[in-house]
């Protein structure tokens, strides 16, 4: 079970948008491209290019977990923008909660 709290360390992978990938590919990127070893409690966040799907990958000392949230048509997640040109960003719990719980309406239609 994915258990996330404000005590976890959260990392946003800016240039990773391939939602076909599961644990092995994400772990490969973490190991090979980012030169990081997932530690207990680390949560890695990836977002689709169309901003409609977010995945959170988590690791504890025994297992890997995956959480996915997908919006229906007409909604999307806020775009995450950083000033620096890094591949991996540390992100705090409040920002993670804001991303997951604040949908952006793509179009507002009044009848």
PDB file of N, CA and C in Angstrom:
ATOM      1  N   UNK A   1       0.846  -1.172   0.000  1.00  0.00           N
ATOM      2  CA  UNK A   1       0.000   0.000   0.000  1.00  0.00           C
ATOM      3  C   UNK A   1       0.890   1.233   0.000  1.00  0.00           C
ATOM      4  N   UNK A   2       0.540   2.185  -0.812  1.00  0.00           N
ATOM      5  CA  UNK A   2       1.280   3.433  -0.862  1.00  0.00           C
ATOM      6  C   UNK A   2       0.885   4.284   0.329  1.00  0.00           C
ATOM      7  N   UNK A   3       1.856   4.600   1.140  1.00  0.00           N
ATOM      8  CA  UNK A   3       1.608   5.428   2.308  1.00  0.00           C
ATOM      9  C   UNK A   3       2.455   6.685   2.174  1.00  0.00           C
ATOM     10  N   UNK A   4       1.789   7.815   1.971  1.00  0.00           N
ATOM     11  CA  UNK A   4       2.529   9.061   1.840  1.00  0.00           C
ATOM     12  C   UNK A   4       2.062  10.048   2.898  1.00  0.00           C
ATOM     13  N   UNK A   5       3.019  10.721   3.469  1.00  0.00           N
ATOM     14  CA  UNK A   5       2.751  11.735   4.488  1.00  0.00           C
ATOM     15  C   UNK A   5       3.723  12.875   4.274  1.00  0.00           C
ATOM     16  N   UNK A   6       3.674  13.827   5.119  1.00  0.00           N
ATOM     17  CA  UNK A   6       4.623  14.925   5.059  1.00  0.00           C
ATOM     18  C   UNK A   6       6.025  14.508   5.447  1.00  0.00           C
ATOM     19  N   UNK A   7       6.197  13.274   5.958  1.00  0.00           N
ATOM     20  CA  UNK A   7       7.511  12.807   6.390  1.00  0.00           C
ATOM     21  C   UNK A   7       8.327  12.218   5.244  1.00  0.00           C
ATOM     22  N   UNK A   8       7.686  11.913   4.129  1.00  0.00           N
ATOM     23  CA  UNK A   8       8.392  11.348   2.985  1.00  0.00           C
ATOM     24  C   UNK A   8       9.229  12.417   2.286  1.00  0.00           C
ATOM     25  N   UNK A   9      10.201  11.956   1.507  1.00  0.00           N
ATOM     26  CA  UNK A   9      10.958  12.832   0.612  1.00  0.00           C
ATOM     27  C   UNK A   9      10.360  12.651  -0.774  1.00  0.00           C
ATOM     28  N   UNK A  10       9.974  13.742  -1.402  1.00  0.00           N
ATOM     29  CA  UNK A  10       9.311  13.706  -2.691  1.00  0.00           C
ATOM     30  C   UNK A  10      10.234  14.280  -3.755  1.00  0.00           C
ATOM     31  N   UNK A  11      10.263  13.593  -4.909  1.00  0.00           N
ATOM     32  CA  UNK A  11      11.085  14.033  -6.029  1.00  0.00           C
ATOM     33  C   UNK A  11      10.238  14.020  -7.284  1.00  0.00           C
ATOM     34  N   UNK A  12      10.286  15.110  -8.027  1.00  0.00           N
ATOM     35  CA  UNK A  12       9.549  15.236  -9.278  1.00  0.00           C
ATOM     36  C   UNK A  12      10.523  15.046 -10.429  1.00  0.00           C
ATOM     37  N   UNK A  13      10.235  14.077 -11.322  1.00  0.00           N
ATOM     38  CA  UNK A  13      11.057  13.830 -12.495  1.00  0.00           C
ATOM     39  C   UNK A  13      10.493  14.641 -13.647  1.00  0.00           C
ATOM     40  N   UNK A  14      11.157  15.715 -13.964  1.00  0.00           N
ATOM     41  CA  UNK A  14      10.640  16.697 -14.912  1.00  0.00           C
ATOM     42  C   UNK A  14      10.476  16.176 -16.335  1.00  0.00           C
ATOM     43  N   UNK A  15      11.435  15.454 -16.846  1.00  0.00           N
ATOM     44  CA  UNK A  15      11.428  15.075 -18.255  1.00  0.00           C
ATOM     45  C   UNK A  15      10.946  13.652 -18.512  1.00  0.00           C
ATOM     46  N   UNK A  16      10.333  13.034 -17.568  1.00  0.00           N
ATOM     47  CA  UNK A  16       9.846  11.662 -17.746  1.00  0.00           C
ATOM     48  C   UNK A  16       8.328  11.689 -17.893  1.00  0.00           C
ATOM     49  N   UNK A  17       7.817  11.347 -19.080  1.00  0.00           N
ATOM     50  CA  UNK A  17       6.384  11.434 -19.347  1.00  0.00           C
ATOM     51  C   UNK A  17       5.787  10.134 -19.873  1.00  0.00           C
ATOM     52  N   UNK A  18       6.574   9.084 -19.981  1.00  0.00           N
ATOM     53  CA  UNK A  18       6.103   7.838 -20.570  1.00  0.00           C
ATOM     54  C   UNK A  18       5.275   7.057 -19.554  1.00  0.00           C
ATOM     55  N   UNK A  19       3.965   7.105 -19.707  1.00  0.00           N
ATOM     56  CA  UNK A  19       3.066   6.463 -18.753  1.00  0.00           C
ATOM     57  C   UNK A  19       2.906   4.964 -19.009  1.00  0.00           C
ATOM     58  N   UNK A  20       3.561   4.426 -20.029  1.00  0.00           N
ATOM     59  CA  UNK A  20       3.544   2.978 -20.256  1.00  0.00           C
ATOM     60  C   UNK A  20       4.482   2.272 -19.292  1.00  0.00           C
ATOM     61  N   UNK A  21       5.420   3.016 -18.732  1.00  0.00           N
ATOM     62  CA  UNK A  21       6.448   2.426 -17.881  1.00  0.00           C
ATOM     63  C   UNK A  21       5.910   2.111 -16.491  1.00  0.00           C
ATOM     64  N   UNK A  22       6.393   1.011 -15.969  1.00  0.00           N
ATOM     65  CA  UNK A  22       6.044   0.602 -14.603  1.00  0.00           C
ATOM     66  C   UNK A  22       7.302   0.692 -13.747  1.00  0.00           C
ATOM     67  N   UNK A  23       7.382  -0.126 -12.710  1.00  0.00           N
ATOM     68  CA  UNK A  23       8.457  -0.041 -11.732  1.00  0.00           C
ATOM     69  C   UNK A  23       9.851  -0.158 -12.330  1.00  0.00           C
ATOM     70  N   UNK A  24      10.075  -1.204 -13.153  1.00  0.00           N
ATOM     71  CA  UNK A  24      11.423  -1.490 -13.642  1.00  0.00           C
ATOM     72  C   UNK A  24      12.015  -0.318 -14.412  1.00  0.00           C
ATOM     73  N   UNK A  25      11.240   0.279 -15.288  1.00  0.00           N
ATOM     74  CA  UNK A  25      11.749   1.384 -16.099  1.00  0.00           C
ATOM     75  C   UNK A  25      12.010   2.622 -15.251  1.00  0.00           C
ATOM     76  N   UNK A  26      11.112   2.927 -14.346  1.00  0.00           N
ATOM     77  CA  UNK A  26      11.308   4.088 -13.476  1.00  0.00           C
ATOM     78  C   UNK A  26      12.525   3.869 -12.575  1.00  0.00           C
ATOM     79  N   UNK A  27      12.666   2.669 -12.036  1.00  0.00           N
ATOM     80  CA  UNK A  27      13.840   2.370 -11.211  1.00  0.00           C
ATOM     81  C   UNK A  27      15.123   2.455 -12.027  1.00  0.00           C
ATOM     82  N   UNK A  28      15.065   2.007 -13.274  1.00  0.00           N
ATOM     83  CA  UNK A  28      16.221   2.098 -14.151  1.00  0.00           C
ATOM     84  C   UNK A  28      16.633   3.548 -14.346  1.00  0.00           C
ATOM     85  N   UNK A  29      15.679   4.422 -14.558  1.00  0.00           N
ATOM     86  CA  UNK A  29      15.972   5.848 -14.728  1.00  0.00           C
ATOM     87  C   UNK A  29      16.548   6.432 -13.445  1.00  0.00           C
ATOM     88  N   UNK A  30      15.978   6.062 -12.316  1.00  0.00           N
ATOM     89  CA  UNK A  30      16.473   6.561 -11.031  1.00  0.00           C
ATOM     90  C   UNK A  30      17.926   6.127 -10.827  1.00  0.00           C
ATOM     91  N   UNK A  31      18.221   4.860 -11.136  1.00  0.00           N
ATOM     92  CA  UNK A  31      19.579   4.329 -10.945  1.00  0.00           C
ATOM     93  C   UNK A  31      20.566   4.886 -11.968  1.00  0.00           C
ATOM     94  N   UNK A  32      20.225   4.777 -13.245  1.00  0.00           N
ATOM     95  CA  UNK A  32      21.190   5.052 -14.302  1.00  0.00           C
ATOM     96  C   UNK A  32      21.300   6.524 -14.670  1.00  0.00           C
ATOM     97  N   UNK A  33      20.183   7.188 -14.854  1.00  0.00           N
ATOM     98  CA  UNK A  33      20.235   8.568 -15.322  1.00  0.00           C
ATOM     99  C   UNK A  33      20.385   9.570 -14.190  1.00  0.00           C
ATOM    100  N   UNK A  34      19.786   9.269 -13.041  1.00  0.00           N
ATOM    101  CA  UNK A  34      19.841  10.218 -11.932  1.00  0.00           C
ATOM    102  C   UNK A  34      20.920   9.876 -10.910  1.00  0.00           C
ATOM    103  N   UNK A  35      21.535   8.687 -11.062  1.00  0.00           N
ATOM    104  CA  UNK A  35      22.566   8.216 -10.133  1.00  0.00           C
ATOM    105  C   UNK A  35      22.103   8.257  -8.682  1.00  0.00           C
ATOM    106  N   UNK A  36      20.870   7.825  -8.480  1.00  0.00           N
ATOM    107  CA  UNK A  36      20.300   7.798  -7.125  1.00  0.00           C
ATOM    108  C   UNK A  36      19.881   6.385  -6.781  1.00  0.00           C
ATOM    109  N   UNK A  37      19.897   6.108  -5.513  1.00  0.00           N
ATOM    110  CA  UNK A  37      19.402   4.844  -4.996  1.00  0.00           C
ATOM    111  C   UNK A  37      18.145   5.166  -4.208  1.00  0.00           C
ATOM    112  N   UNK A  38      16.994   4.599  -4.595  1.00  0.00           N
ATOM    113  CA  UNK A  38      15.776   4.894  -3.833  1.00  0.00           C
ATOM    114  C   UNK A  38      15.946   4.450  -2.380  1.00  0.00           C
ATOM    115  N   UNK A  39      15.654   5.340  -1.489  1.00  0.00           N
ATOM    116  CA  UNK A  39      15.761   5.028  -0.075  1.00  0.00           C
ATOM    117  C   UNK A  39      14.364   4.887   0.512  1.00  0.00           C
ATOM    118  N   UNK A  40      14.285   4.285   1.647  1.00  0.00           N
ATOM    119  CA  UNK A  40      12.982   4.070   2.267  1.00  0.00           C
ATOM    120  C   UNK A  40      12.254   5.391   2.472  1.00  0.00           C
ATOM    121  N   UNK A  41      11.030   5.435   1.978  1.00  0.00           N
ATOM    122  CA  UNK A  41      10.206   6.622   2.142  1.00  0.00           C
ATOM    123  C   UNK A  41      10.261   7.591   0.980  1.00  0.00           C
ATOM    124  N   UNK A  42      11.223   7.399   0.054  1.00  0.00           N
ATOM    125  CA  UNK A  42      11.301   8.281  -1.108  1.00  0.00           C
ATOM    126  C   UNK A  42      10.106   8.041  -2.020  1.00  0.00           C
ATOM    127  N   UNK A  43       9.545   9.121  -2.544  1.00  0.00           N
ATOM    128  CA  UNK A  43       8.432   9.044  -3.485  1.00  0.00           C
ATOM    129  C   UNK A  43       8.846   9.817  -4.735  1.00  0.00           C
ATOM    130  N   UNK A  44       8.775   9.151  -5.894  1.00  0.00           N
ATOM    131  CA  UNK A  44       9.138   9.757  -7.161  1.00  0.00           C
ATOM    132  C   UNK A  44       7.861  10.023  -7.942  1.00  0.00           C
ATOM    133  N   UNK A  45       7.708  11.264  -8.418  1.00  0.00           N
ATOM    134  CA  UNK A  45       6.480  11.707  -9.069  1.00  0.00           C
ATOM    135  C   UNK A  45       6.754  11.951 -10.551  1.00  0.00           C
ATOM    136  N   UNK A  46       5.900  11.377 -11.412  1.00  0.00           N
ATOM    137  CA  UNK A  46       5.980  11.613 -12.849  1.00  0.00           C
ATOM    138  C   UNK A  46       4.602  12.046 -13.337  1.00  0.00           C
ATOM    139  N   UNK A  47       4.591  12.861 -14.396  1.00  0.00           N
ATOM    140  CA  UNK A  47       3.331  13.386 -14.930  1.00  0.00           C
ATOM    141  C   UNK A  47       3.314  13.212 -16.450  1.00  0.00           C
ATOM    142  N   UNK A  48       2.156  12.861 -16.982  1.00  0.00           N
ATOM    143  CA  UNK A  48       2.023  12.695 -18.433  1.00  0.00           C
ATOM    144  C   UNK A  48       2.136  14.042 -19.136  1.00  0.00           C
ATOM    145  N   UNK A  49       2.475  14.009 -20.421  1.00  0.00           N
ATOM    146  CA  UNK A  49       2.617  15.251 -21.192  1.00  0.00           C
ATOM    147  C   UNK A  49       1.317  16.029 -21.278  1.00  0.00           C
ATOM    148  N   UNK A  50       0.181  15.314 -21.342  1.00  0.00           N
ATOM    149  CA  UNK A  50      -1.105  16.002 -21.451  1.00  0.00           C
ATOM    150  C   UNK A  50      -1.642  16.480 -20.102  1.00  0.00           C
ATOM    151  N   UNK A  51      -0.881  16.254 -19.029  1.00  0.00           N
ATOM    152  CA  UNK A  51      -1.199  16.716 -17.668  1.00  0.00           C
ATOM    153  C   UNK A  51      -2.486  16.093 -17.105  1.00  0.00           C
ATOM    154  N   UNK A  52      -2.901  14.961 -17.634  1.00  0.00           N
ATOM    155  CA  UNK A  52      -4.113  14.307 -17.133  1.00  0.00           C
ATOM    156  C   UNK A  52      -3.811  13.139 -16.203  1.00  0.00           C
ATOM    157  N   UNK A  53      -2.549  12.724 -16.102  1.00  0.00           N
ATOM    158  CA  UNK A  53      -2.209  11.564 -15.288  1.00  0.00           C
ATOM    159  C   UNK A  53      -0.944  11.844 -14.478  1.00  0.00           C
ATOM    160  N   UNK A  54      -0.971  11.469 -13.203  1.00  0.00           N
ATOM    161  CA  UNK A  54       0.191  11.567 -12.319  1.00  0.00           C
ATOM    162  C   UNK A  54       0.414  10.204 -11.685  1.00  0.00           C
ATOM    163  N   UNK A  55       1.668   9.787 -11.630  1.00  0.00           N
ATOM    164  CA  UNK A  55       2.034   8.546 -10.946  1.00  0.00           C
ATOM    165  C   UNK A  55       3.047   8.845  -9.864  1.00  0.00           C
ATOM    166  N   UNK A  56       2.868   8.194  -8.732  1.00  0.00           N
ATOM    167  CA  UNK A  56       3.800   8.284  -7.619  1.00  0.00           C
ATOM    168  C   UNK A  56       4.364   6.897  -7.376  1.00  0.00           C
ATOM    169  N   UNK A  57       5.686   6.782  -7.425  1.00  0.00           N
ATOM    170  CA  UNK A  57       6.378   5.531  -7.156  1.00  0.00           C
ATOM    171  C   UNK A  57       7.042   5.659  -5.800  1.00  0.00           C
ATOM    172  N   UNK A  58       6.843   4.651  -4.969  1.00  0.00           N
ATOM    173  CA  UNK A  58       7.398   4.699  -3.624  1.00  0.00           C
ATOM    174  C   UNK A  58       8.187   3.425  -3.344  1.00  0.00           C
ATOM    175  N   UNK A  59       9.152   3.520  -2.457  1.00  0.00           N
ATOM    176  CA  UNK A  59       9.971   2.378  -2.079  1.00  0.00           C
ATOM    177  C   UNK A  59      10.062   2.315  -0.562  1.00  0.00           C
ATOM    178  N   UNK A  60       9.880   1.117  -0.007  1.00  0.00           N
ATOM    179  CA  UNK A  60      10.261   0.888   1.387  1.00  0.00           C
ATOM    180  C   UNK A  60      11.231  -0.286   1.371  1.00  0.00           C
ATOM    181  N   UNK A  61      11.701  -0.705   2.486  1.00  0.00           N
ATOM    182  CA  UNK A  61      12.768  -1.703   2.514  1.00  0.00           C
ATOM    183  C   UNK A  61      12.347  -3.079   2.010  1.00  0.00           C
ATOM    184  N   UNK A  62      11.079  -3.308   1.766  1.00  0.00           N
ATOM    185  CA  UNK A  62      10.598  -4.601   1.290  1.00  0.00           C
ATOM    186  C   UNK A  62       9.905  -4.560  -0.058  1.00  0.00           C
ATOM    187  N   UNK A  63       9.391  -3.420  -0.468  1.00  0.00           N
ATOM    188  CA  UNK A  63       8.539  -3.428  -1.660  1.00  0.00           C
ATOM    189  C   UNK A  63       8.499  -2.065  -2.353  1.00  0.00           C
ATOM    190  N   UNK A  64       7.966  -2.104  -3.568  1.00  0.00           N
ATOM    191  CA  UNK A  64       7.728  -0.907  -4.358  1.00  0.00           C
ATOM    192  C   UNK A  64       6.231  -0.723  -4.495  1.00  0.00           C
ATOM    193  N   UNK A  65       5.780   0.520  -4.513  1.00  0.00           N
ATOM    194  CA  UNK A  65       4.352   0.817  -4.647  1.00  0.00           C
ATOM    195  C   UNK A  65       4.146   1.830  -5.760  1.00  0.00           C
ATOM    196  N   UNK A  66       2.967   1.764  -6.363  1.00  0.00           N
ATOM    197  CA  UNK A  66       2.605   2.680  -7.427  1.00  0.00           C
ATOM    198  C   UNK A  66       1.220   3.239  -7.142  1.00  0.00           C
ATOM    199  N   UNK A  67       1.095   4.551  -7.221  1.00  0.00           N
ATOM    200  CA  UNK A  67      -0.192   5.217  -7.077  1.00  0.00           C
ATOM    201  C   UNK A  67      -0.391   6.035  -8.341  1.00  0.00           C
ATOM    202  N   UNK A  68      -1.593   5.964  -8.907  1.00  0.00           N
ATOM    203  CA  UNK A  68      -1.884   6.731 -10.106  1.00  0.00           C
ATOM    204  C   UNK A  68      -3.174   7.492  -9.916  1.00  0.00           C
ATOM    205  N   UNK A  69      -3.164   8.730 -10.358  1.00  0.00           N
ATOM    206  CA  UNK A  69      -4.379   9.534 -10.359  1.00  0.00           C
ATOM    207  C   UNK A  69      -4.547  10.086 -11.764  1.00  0.00           C
ATOM    208  N   UNK A  70      -5.767   9.931 -12.303  1.00  0.00           N
ATOM    209  CA  UNK A  70      -6.057  10.355 -13.661  1.00  0.00           C
ATOM    210  C   UNK A  70      -7.355  11.147 -13.659  1.00  0.00           C
ATOM    211  N   UNK A  71      -7.317  12.318 -14.312  1.00  0.00           N
ATOM    212  CA  UNK A  71      -8.518  13.128 -14.423  1.00  0.00           C
ATOM    213  C   UNK A  71      -9.341  12.715 -15.640  1.00  0.00           C
ATOM    214  N   UNK A  72     -10.629  12.947 -15.565  1.00  0.00           N
ATOM    215  CA  UNK A  72     -11.522  12.712 -16.685  1.00  0.00           C
ATOM    216  C   UNK A  72     -11.380  13.862 -17.680  1.00  0.00           C
ATOM    217  N   UNK A  73     -12.012  13.707 -18.820  1.00  0.00           N
ATOM    218  CA  UNK A  73     -11.961  14.726 -19.872  1.00  0.00           C
ATOM    219  C   UNK A  73     -12.419  16.080 -19.322  1.00  0.00           C
ATOM    220  N   UNK A  74     -11.697  17.107 -19.673  1.00  0.00           N
ATOM    221  CA  UNK A  74     -12.048  18.461 -19.257  1.00  0.00           C
ATOM    222  C   UNK A  74     -11.239  18.967 -18.078  1.00  0.00           C
ATOM    223  N   UNK A  75     -10.485  18.080 -17.419  1.00  0.00           N
ATOM    224  CA  UNK A  75      -9.663  18.470 -16.273  1.00  0.00           C
ATOM    225  C   UNK A  75      -8.233  18.007 -16.499  1.00  0.00           C
ATOM    226  N   UNK A  76      -7.302  18.689 -15.857  1.00  0.00           N
ATOM    227  CA  UNK A  76      -5.906  18.292 -15.904  1.00  0.00           C
ATOM    228  C   UNK A  76      -5.208  18.777 -14.641  1.00  0.00           C
ATOM    229  N   UNK A  77      -4.005  18.302 -14.420  1.00  0.00           N
ATOM    230  CA  UNK A  77      -3.196  18.736 -13.282  1.00  0.00           C
ATOM    231  C   UNK A  77      -2.507  20.050 -13.619  1.00  0.00           C
ATOM    232  N   UNK A  78      -2.134  20.781 -12.602  1.00  0.00           N
ATOM    233  CA  UNK A  78      -1.354  21.993 -12.816  1.00  0.00           C
ATOM    234  C   UNK A  78       0.005  21.612 -13.377  1.00  0.00           C
ATOM    235  N   UNK A  79       0.526  22.425 -14.247  1.00  0.00           N
ATOM    236  CA  UNK A  79       1.855  22.190 -14.786  1.00  0.00           C
ATOM    237  C   UNK A  79       2.892  22.616 -13.751  1.00  0.00           C
ATOM    238  N   UNK A  80       3.863  21.760 -13.507  1.00  0.00           N
ATOM    239  CA  UNK A  80       4.934  22.059 -12.559  1.00  0.00           C
ATOM    240  C   UNK A  80       6.044  22.766 -13.325  1.00  0.00           C
ATOM    241  N   UNK A  81       6.419  23.950 -12.872  1.00  0.00           N
ATOM    242  CA  UNK A  81       7.436  24.757 -13.539  1.00  0.00           C
ATOM    243  C   UNK A  81       8.527  25.096 -12.527  1.00  0.00           C
ATOM    244  N   UNK A  82       9.771  24.925 -12.952  1.00  0.00           N
ATOM    245  CA  UNK A  82      10.923  25.271 -12.124  1.00  0.00           C
ATOM    246  C   UNK A  82      11.810  26.231 -12.878  1.00  0.00           C
ATOM    247  N   UNK A  83      12.519  27.063 -12.147  1.00  0.00           N
ATOM    248  CA  UNK A  83      13.415  28.026 -12.765  1.00  0.00           C
ATOM    249  C   UNK A  83      14.737  27.396 -13.172  1.00  0.00           C
ATOM    250  N   UNK A  84      15.212  26.417 -12.391  1.00  0.00           N
ATOM    251  CA  UNK A  84      16.492  25.786 -12.702  1.00  0.00           C
ATOM    252  C   UNK A  84      16.302  24.706 -13.754  1.00  0.00           C
ATOM    253  N   UNK A  85      17.409  24.273 -14.341  1.00  0.00           N
ATOM    254  CA  UNK A  85      17.362  23.273 -15.399  1.00  0.00           C
ATOM    255  C   UNK A  85      17.836  21.917 -14.866  1.00  0.00           C
ATOM    256  N   UNK A  86      17.144  21.395 -13.870  1.00  0.00           N
ATOM    257  CA  UNK A  86      17.477  20.106 -13.286  1.00  0.00           C
ATOM    258  C   UNK A  86      16.529  19.035 -13.818  1.00  0.00           C
ATOM    259  N   UNK A  87      16.956  17.774 -13.754  1.00  0.00           N
ATOM    260  CA  UNK A  87      16.108  16.664 -14.168  1.00  0.00           C
ATOM    261  C   UNK A  87      15.227  16.197 -13.030  1.00  0.00           C
ATOM    262  N   UNK A  88      15.747  16.272 -11.816  1.00  0.00           N
ATOM    263  CA  UNK A  88      15.058  15.793 -10.620  1.00  0.00           C
ATOM    264  C   UNK A  88      14.966  16.935  -9.623  1.00  0.00           C
ATOM    265  N   UNK A  89      13.760  17.174  -9.131  1.00  0.00           N
ATOM    266  CA  UNK A  89      13.551  18.251  -8.172  1.00  0.00           C
ATOM    267  C   UNK A  89      13.005  17.691  -6.874  1.00  0.00           C
ATOM    268  N   UNK A  90      13.488  18.201  -5.783  1.00  0.00           N
ATOM    269  CA  UNK A  90      12.903  17.890  -4.493  1.00  0.00           C
ATOM    270  C   UNK A  90      11.655  18.764  -4.353  1.00  0.00           C
ATOM    271  N   UNK A  91      10.586  18.169  -3.882  1.00  0.00           N
ATOM    272  CA  UNK A  91       9.318  18.884  -3.769  1.00  0.00           C
ATOM    273  C   UNK A  91       8.737  18.614  -2.387  1.00  0.00           C
ATOM    274  N   UNK A  92       8.147  19.603  -1.758  1.00  0.00           N
ATOM    275  CA  UNK A  92       7.651  19.399  -0.393  1.00  0.00           C
ATOM    276  C   UNK A  92       6.218  18.864  -0.401  1.00  0.00           C
ATOM    277  N   UNK A  93       5.793  18.369   0.742  1.00  0.00           N
ATOM    278  CA  UNK A  93       4.487  17.711   0.895  1.00  0.00           C
ATOM    279  C   UNK A  93       3.331  18.633   0.526  1.00  0.00           C
ATOM    280  N   UNK A  94       3.391  19.892   0.909  1.00  0.00           N
ATOM    281  CA  UNK A  94       2.306  20.822   0.593  1.00  0.00           C
ATOM    282  C   UNK A  94       2.131  20.978  -0.908  1.00  0.00           C
ATOM    283  N   UNK A  95       3.225  21.016  -1.641  1.00  0.00           N
ATOM    284  CA  UNK A  95       3.146  21.140  -3.091  1.00  0.00           C
ATOM    285  C   UNK A  95       2.614  19.865  -3.740  1.00  0.00           C
ATOM    286  N   UNK A  96       2.979  18.711  -3.196  1.00  0.00           N
ATOM    287  CA  UNK A  96       2.446  17.442  -3.697  1.00  0.00           C
ATOM    288  C   UNK A  96       0.933  17.410  -3.509  1.00  0.00           C
ATOM    289  N   UNK A  97       0.462  17.784  -2.328  1.00  0.00           N
ATOM    290  CA  UNK A  97      -0.977  17.815  -2.063  1.00  0.00           C
ATOM    291  C   UNK A  97      -1.683  18.804  -2.980  1.00  0.00           C
ATOM    292  N   UNK A  98      -1.076  19.935  -3.237  1.00  0.00           N
ATOM    293  CA  UNK A  98      -1.661  20.935  -4.141  1.00  0.00           C
ATOM    294  C   UNK A  98      -1.790  20.388  -5.565  1.00  0.00           C
ATOM    295  N   UNK A  99      -0.753  19.719  -6.036  1.00  0.00           N
ATOM    296  CA  UNK A  99      -0.799  19.129  -7.379  1.00  0.00           C
ATOM    297  C   UNK A  99      -1.898  18.080  -7.479  1.00  0.00           C
ATOM    298  N   UNK A 100      -1.986  17.200  -6.485  1.00  0.00           N
ATOM    299  CA  UNK A 100      -2.935  16.079  -6.553  1.00  0.00           C
ATOM    300  C   UNK A 100      -4.381  16.491  -6.338  1.00  0.00           C
ATOM    301  N   UNK A 101      -4.623  17.561  -5.631  1.00  0.00           N
ATOM    302  CA  UNK A 101      -5.988  17.906  -5.248  1.00  0.00           C
ATOM    303  C   UNK A 101      -6.543  19.165  -5.890  1.00  0.00           C
ATOM    304  N   UNK A 102      -5.807  19.771  -6.814  1.00  0.00           N
ATOM    305  CA  UNK A 102      -6.275  21.013  -7.425  1.00  0.00           C
ATOM    306  C   UNK A 102      -6.366  20.870  -8.932  1.00  0.00           C
ATOM    307  N   UNK A 103      -7.501  20.388  -9.435  1.00  0.00           N
ATOM    308  CA  UNK A 103      -7.632  20.234 -10.889  1.00  0.00           C
ATOM    309  C   UNK A 103      -7.734  21.581 -11.592  1.00  0.00           C
ATOM    310  N   UNK A 104      -7.235  21.611 -12.804  1.00  0.00           N
ATOM    311  CA  UNK A 104      -7.350  22.778 -13.658  1.00  0.00           C
ATOM    312  C   UNK A 104      -8.429  22.454 -14.680  1.00  0.00           C
ATOM    313  N   UNK A 105      -9.372  23.350 -14.832  1.00  0.00           N
ATOM    314  CA  UNK A 105     -10.436  23.158 -15.799  1.00  0.00           C
ATOM    315  C   UNK A 105      -9.934  23.641 -17.154  1.00  0.00           C
ATOM    316  N   UNK A 106      -9.945  22.754 -18.141  1.00  0.00           N
ATOM    317  CA  UNK A 106      -9.456  23.125 -19.472  1.00  0.00           C
ATOM    318  C   UNK A 106     -10.449  24.009 -20.219  1.00  0.00           C
ATOM    319  N   UNK A 107     -11.724  23.778 -19.983  1.00  0.00           N
ATOM    320  CA  UNK A 107     -12.750  24.556 -20.671  1.00  0.00           C
ATOM    321  C   UNK A 107     -13.965  24.635 -19.781  1.00  0.00           C
ATOM    322  N   UNK A 108     -14.577  25.800 -19.718  1.00  0.00           N
ATOM    323  CA  UNK A 108     -15.780  26.011 -18.909  1.00  0.00           C
ATOM    324  C   UNK A 108     -16.934  26.315 -19.850  1.00  0.00           C
ATOM    325  N   UNK A 109     -17.880  25.419 -19.928  1.00  0.00           N
ATOM    326  CA  UNK A 109     -18.997  25.564 -20.862  1.00  0.00           C
ATOM    327  C   UNK A 109     -20.274  25.875 -20.097  1.00  0.00           C
ATOM    328  N   UNK A 110     -20.917  26.981 -20.431  1.00  0.00           N
ATOM    329  CA  UNK A 110     -22.156  27.397 -19.779  1.00  0.00           C
ATOM    330  C   UNK A 110     -23.295  27.126 -20.746  1.00  0.00           C
ATOM    331  N   UNK A 111     -24.333  26.482 -20.234  1.00  0.00           N
ATOM    332  CA  UNK A 111     -25.511  26.152 -21.077  1.00  0.00           C
ATOM    333  C   UNK A 111     -26.640  27.081 -20.804  1.00  0.00           C
TER     334      UNK A 111
END
